[in-house]
């Protein structure tokens, strides 16, 4: 099939191509989400189990405000430049966002039991993995 000549492509051929491409795309999306959730969980665990990190992040509001604004800034930056970013740059920003998200969610480990948190992270990550 010649994809450069759109005048000869029928609607059925387009549907057939989409039915092949969409599952691959969704598999990649769910794989990336599972990986990001794992990164966020590991960072949040590290923050939540480190007394020094907890003191540094949560004795004052400023570190959390900075981390939250940085997350928001990454979302705006990547959204505005998504068509111009390289794959490596977009992946790097995604990982940085996951790490910052883990920093801001570290308090969960101080508020809830380790078993309930681990179960929740593994169920959610497993769901994304299974969907992939």
Protein backbone atom coordinates (compact mmCIF):
# COMPACT_ATOMS: atom_id res chain seq x y z
CA UNK A 1 0.00 0.00 0.00
CA UNK A 2 1.36 3.41 -0.97
CA UNK A 3 0.83 5.79 1.97
CA UNK A 4 1.98 8.81 -0.03
CA UNK A 5 -0.98 8.56 -2.40
CA UNK A 6 -4.00 9.13 -0.14
CA UNK A 7 -6.47 9.40 -2.99
CA UNK A 8 -6.30 5.65 -3.57
CA UNK A 9 -6.58 4.54 0.07
CA UNK A 10 -10.04 3.32 0.95
CA UNK A 11 -11.75 3.79 4.27
CA UNK A 12 -11.52 0.04 4.91
CA UNK A 13 -7.74 0.08 4.39
CA UNK A 14 -7.42 2.95 6.88
CA UNK A 15 -9.48 1.04 9.43
CA UNK A 16 -7.32 -2.05 8.92
CA UNK A 17 -4.11 -0.08 9.46
CA UNK A 18 -5.53 1.59 12.58
CA UNK A 19 -6.59 -1.77 13.98
CA UNK A 20 -2.96 -2.88 13.70
CA UNK A 21 -1.36 0.31 15.04
CA UNK A 22 -3.64 1.12 17.98
CA UNK A 23 -2.86 -1.99 20.08
CA UNK A 24 0.88 -1.36 19.69
CA UNK A 25 0.45 2.26 20.73
CA UNK A 26 -1.62 1.38 23.78
CA UNK A 27 0.88 -1.30 24.80
CA UNK A 28 3.63 1.33 24.74
CA UNK A 29 1.53 3.83 26.70
CA UNK A 30 0.75 1.32 29.44
CA UNK A 31 4.36 0.16 29.58
CA UNK A 32 5.56 3.75 30.07
CA UNK A 33 2.93 4.35 32.74
CA UNK A 34 3.95 1.19 34.61
CA UNK A 35 7.58 2.31 34.49
CA UNK A 36 6.74 5.84 35.70
CA UNK A 37 4.66 4.45 38.54
CA UNK A 38 7.54 2.20 39.57
CA UNK A 39 9.97 5.16 39.57
CA UNK A 40 7.54 7.27 41.57
CA UNK A 41 7.03 4.44 44.06
CA UNK A 42 10.74 3.83 44.57
CA UNK A 43 11.47 7.54 45.10
CA UNK A 44 8.48 7.95 47.44
CA UNK A 45 9.66 4.92 49.41
CA UNK A 46 13.16 6.37 49.66
CA UNK A 47 11.81 9.70 50.87
CA UNK A 48 9.28 8.14 53.23
CA UNK A 49 11.79 5.88 54.93
CA UNK A 50 14.56 8.47 55.24
CA UNK A 51 14.18 10.62 58.32
CA UNK A 52 16.52 13.29 56.92
CA UNK A 53 14.57 13.57 53.64
CA UNK A 54 11.28 13.77 55.54
CA UNK A 55 12.63 16.56 57.72
CA UNK A 56 14.05 18.44 54.74
CA UNK A 57 10.89 18.22 52.64
CA UNK A 58 8.12 18.45 55.19
CA UNK A 59 9.25 20.76 58.01
CA UNK A 60 8.68 23.74 55.74
CA UNK A 61 6.18 24.27 52.94
CA UNK A 62 8.73 25.74 50.54
CA UNK A 63 10.35 22.50 49.25
CA UNK A 64 6.95 21.00 48.44
CA UNK A 65 5.77 24.20 46.77
CA UNK A 66 8.93 24.26 44.63
CA UNK A 67 8.54 20.57 43.73
CA UNK A 68 4.85 21.04 42.89
CA UNK A 69 5.55 24.09 40.74
CA UNK A 70 8.40 22.23 39.03
CA UNK A 71 5.99 19.40 38.18
CA UNK A 72 3.49 21.87 36.79
CA UNK A 73 6.26 23.64 34.85
CA UNK A 74 7.35 20.34 33.28
CA UNK A 75 3.77 19.63 32.21
CA UNK A 76 3.44 23.05 30.55
CA UNK A 77 6.90 22.90 28.96
CA UNK A 78 6.51 19.41 27.51
CA UNK A 79 2.95 20.10 26.35
CA UNK A 80 4.04 23.24 24.51
CA UNK A 81 7.05 21.60 22.86
CA UNK A 82 5.95 17.99 22.40
CA UNK A 83 6.22 18.18 18.61
CA UNK A 84 9.75 19.60 18.74
CA UNK A 85 11.27 17.49 21.53
CA UNK A 86 13.47 14.54 20.69
CA UNK A 87 12.57 11.13 22.07
CA UNK A 88 15.49 11.30 24.51
CA UNK A 89 14.45 14.74 25.79
CA UNK A 90 10.80 13.74 26.20
CA UNK A 91 11.82 10.56 28.01
CA UNK A 92 14.16 12.50 30.29
CA UNK A 93 11.43 15.00 31.19
CA UNK A 94 9.04 12.11 31.87
CA UNK A 95 11.53 10.49 34.25
CA UNK A 96 12.25 13.82 36.00
CA UNK A 97 8.50 14.31 36.42
CA UNK A 98 8.19 10.82 37.93
CA UNK A 99 11.00 11.54 40.38
CA UNK A 100 9.47 14.87 41.45
CA UNK A 101 6.13 13.14 41.86
CA UNK A 102 7.80 10.61 44.16
CA UNK A 103 9.29 13.44 46.22
CA UNK A 104 5.94 15.10 46.69
CA UNK A 105 4.23 11.80 47.57
CA UNK A 106 6.80 10.61 50.10
CA UNK A 107 4.57 11.66 53.01
CA UNK A 108 2.27 8.75 52.19
CA UNK A 109 4.83 6.39 53.71
CA UNK A 110 4.64 8.26 57.01
CA UNK A 111 0.83 8.26 57.07
CA UNK A 112 -0.03 4.70 55.98
CA UNK A 113 1.31 1.22 56.65
CA UNK A 114 4.00 -0.16 54.39
CA UNK A 115 1.85 -3.16 53.47
CA UNK A 116 -1.10 -1.09 52.26
CA UNK A 117 1.13 1.22 50.22
CA UNK A 118 3.07 -1.63 48.64
CA UNK A 119 -0.14 -3.44 47.78
CA UNK A 120 -1.60 -0.33 46.17
CA UNK A 121 1.53 0.43 44.12
CA UNK A 122 1.92 -3.17 42.98
CA UNK A 123 -1.74 -3.52 42.05
CA UNK A 124 -1.69 -0.27 40.07
CA UNK A 125 1.63 -1.03 38.41
CA UNK A 126 0.48 -4.58 37.69
CA UNK A 127 -2.70 -3.23 36.12
CA UNK A 128 -0.70 -1.00 33.79
CA UNK A 129 1.63 -3.91 33.04
CA UNK A 130 -1.26 -6.26 32.30
CA UNK A 131 -2.92 -3.66 30.08
CA UNK A 132 0.33 -3.42 28.12
